[in-house]
Amino acid sequence: MLWIKTFHIFFMVAWFAGIFYLPRIFVNLAMTENDGAFNQLNIMAGKLYRFITPFMVLTVIFGLWLASYNWSYYMSSGWFHAKMTLIVLLIIYHFICGMYQKQFADGTCNKSHTYFRVFNELPVLILLGALILAIVKPF
């Protein structure tokens, strides 16, 4: 079980590293007026999104595998349901990032750099909430 937990945490850290950085690229894409820089940032965003998507999938797989060892406990724990809600929101956030990446690639994204600066903070709050729920188990 410790190996499963290790891989769950590893893939979660890798996923979050990318999910923290991708919207920062969006900030720069929304700000740049240089076509060369825009194209380079766009390539970076696409590669990063494709790179972190398997980490998301593996995080979920190892997390569910870990939970399967004591499923009845987790299903009766309020903190676990709250954490899973946050994880679903994070997965939705991930796919929204993919949508924005495609919009930038197509030249149709009309969001401002200020929007993406705020958007960038959402996974930080989700991570904090998920950590508090998983470690403190407040309810």
Protein backbone atom coordinates (compact mmCIF):
# COMPACT_ATOMS: atom_id res chain seq x y z
CA MET A 1 0.00 0.00 0.00
CA LEU A 2 2.90 2.41 0.67
CA TRP A 3 4.09 1.97 -2.92
CA ILE A 4 0.65 2.93 -4.18
CA LYS A 5 0.59 5.98 -1.90
CA THR A 6 4.09 6.94 -3.08
CA PHE A 7 3.08 6.85 -6.74
CA HIS A 8 -0.18 8.66 -6.00
CA ILE A 9 1.74 11.51 -4.33
CA PHE A 10 4.42 11.53 -7.05
CA PHE A 11 1.92 11.86 -9.90
CA MET A 12 -0.09 14.42 -7.92
CA VAL A 13 3.02 16.60 -7.44
CA ALA A 14 3.90 16.30 -11.14
CA TRP A 15 0.33 17.17 -12.17
CA PHE A 16 0.22 20.19 -9.87
CA ALA A 17 3.59 21.44 -11.10
CA GLY A 18 2.15 21.60 -14.59
CA ILE A 19 -1.27 22.88 -13.57
CA PHE A 20 0.44 25.74 -11.69
CA TYR A 21 2.65 26.65 -14.66
CA LEU A 22 0.23 26.33 -17.58
CA PRO A 23 -1.96 29.34 -16.66
CA ARG A 24 1.23 31.40 -16.20
CA ILE A 25 1.97 30.66 -19.84
CA PHE A 26 -1.57 31.83 -20.61
CA VAL A 27 -0.82 35.13 -18.82
CA ASN A 28 2.15 35.65 -21.13
CA LEU A 29 0.21 34.55 -24.20
CA ALA A 30 -2.52 37.08 -23.39
CA MET A 31 0.06 39.85 -22.92
CA THR A 32 2.46 39.31 -25.81
CA GLU A 33 2.26 41.31 -29.01
CA ASN A 34 5.29 39.59 -30.54
CA ASP A 35 4.28 36.87 -33.02
CA GLY A 36 7.47 34.88 -32.45
CA ALA A 37 7.03 34.87 -28.68
CA PHE A 38 3.33 34.05 -29.06
CA ASN A 39 4.11 31.05 -31.27
CA GLN A 40 6.80 29.78 -28.90
CA LEU A 41 4.57 30.16 -25.83
CA ASN A 42 1.73 28.47 -27.70
CA ILE A 43 3.96 25.48 -28.48
CA MET A 44 5.07 25.34 -24.83
CA ALA A 45 1.47 25.44 -23.60
CA GLY A 46 0.41 22.63 -25.92
CA LYS A 47 3.34 20.42 -24.98
CA LEU A 48 2.85 21.07 -21.26
CA TYR A 49 -0.86 20.25 -21.43
CA ARG A 50 -0.19 16.98 -23.25
CA PHE A 51 2.61 16.19 -20.78
CA ILE A 52 0.56 16.69 -17.59
CA THR A 53 -2.65 15.00 -18.73
CA PRO A 54 -1.28 11.47 -18.11
CA PHE A 55 -0.19 12.64 -14.64
CA MET A 56 -3.79 13.61 -13.91
CA VAL A 57 -5.02 10.18 -15.02
CA LEU A 58 -2.35 8.35 -13.00
CA THR A 59 -3.08 10.48 -9.92
CA VAL A 60 -6.73 9.46 -10.09
CA ILE A 61 -5.93 5.79 -10.75
CA PHE A 62 -3.49 5.50 -7.85
CA GLY A 63 -5.78 7.52 -5.57
CA LEU A 64 -8.75 5.25 -6.25
CA TRP A 65 -6.54 2.19 -5.88
CA LEU A 66 -5.40 3.50 -2.52
CA ALA A 67 -8.97 4.21 -1.42
CA SER A 68 -10.05 0.71 -2.47
CA TYR A 69 -8.10 -0.76 0.44
CA ASN A 70 -10.59 0.74 2.90
CA TRP A 71 -13.51 1.76 0.70
CA SER A 72 -16.20 1.56 3.39
CA TYR A 73 -14.24 3.96 5.64
CA TYR A 74 -13.78 6.50 2.86
CA MET A 75 -17.39 6.27 1.70
CA SER A 76 -18.58 7.04 5.24
CA SER A 77 -16.17 9.98 5.76
CA GLY A 78 -17.43 13.48 5.06
CA TRP A 79 -13.93 14.85 4.56
CA PHE A 80 -13.33 12.31 1.78
CA HIS A 81 -16.49 13.36 -0.08
CA ALA A 82 -15.43 17.01 0.23
CA LYS A 83 -11.93 16.16 -1.02
CA MET A 84 -13.35 14.24 -3.98
CA THR A 85 -15.50 17.26 -4.83
CA LEU A 86 -12.35 19.39 -4.92
CA ILE A 87 -10.60 16.80 -7.10
CA VAL A 88 -13.52 16.79 -9.55
CA LEU A 89 -13.27 20.61 -9.67
CA LEU A 90 -9.54 20.31 -10.34
CA ILE A 91 -10.15 17.85 -13.18
CA ILE A 92 -12.69 20.28 -14.66
CA TYR A 93 -10.08 23.06 -14.26
CA HIS A 94 -7.55 20.87 -16.09
CA PHE A 95 -9.91 20.42 -19.06
CA ILE A 96 -10.74 24.15 -19.06
CA CYS A 97 -6.98 24.75 -19.36
CA GLY A 98 -7.04 22.45 -22.38
CA MET A 99 -9.89 24.48 -23.85
CA TYR A 100 -7.93 27.73 -23.36
CA GLN A 101 -4.81 26.16 -24.84
CA LYS A 102 -6.80 25.21 -27.95
CA GLN A 103 -8.31 28.71 -28.14
CA PHE A 104 -4.83 30.25 -28.04
CA ALA A 105 -3.67 27.81 -30.73
CA ASP A 106 -6.67 28.79 -32.88
CA GLY A 107 -6.21 32.50 -32.15
CA THR A 108 -9.68 32.79 -30.62
CA CYS A 109 -8.94 33.32 -26.92
CA ASN A 110 -10.22 36.73 -25.83
CA LYS A 111 -9.44 36.55 -22.09
CA SER A 112 -7.10 39.15 -20.59
CA HIS A 113 -3.84 38.56 -18.76
CA THR A 114 -5.59 39.82 -15.62
CA TYR A 115 -8.22 37.09 -15.98
CA PHE A 116 -5.50 34.45 -16.24
CA ARG A 117 -3.66 35.87 -13.21
CA VAL A 118 -6.79 35.23 -11.13
CA PHE A 119 -7.53 31.93 -12.90
CA ASN A 120 -3.99 30.81 -12.01
CA GLU A 121 -4.76 30.95 -8.28
CA LEU A 122 -7.65 28.47 -8.30
CA PRO A 123 -5.55 25.27 -8.16
CA VAL A 124 -3.58 26.71 -5.23
CA LEU A 125 -6.81 27.02 -3.26
CA ILE A 126 -7.95 23.56 -4.33
CA LEU A 127 -4.62 22.06 -3.24
CA LEU A 128 -4.80 23.78 0.15
CA GLY A 129 -8.34 22.54 0.69
CA ALA A 130 -7.50 18.98 -0.39
CA LEU A 131 -4.45 18.88 1.90
CA ILE A 132 -6.40 20.16 4.89
CA LEU A 133 -9.14 17.61 4.26
CA ALA A 134 -6.71 14.69 3.77
CA ILE A 135 -4.42 15.50 6.71
CA VAL A 136 -6.64 17.19 9.31
CA LYS A 137 -9.85 15.29 8.39
CA PRO A 138 -11.98 18.00 10.03
CA PHE A 139 -15.27 16.10 9.66
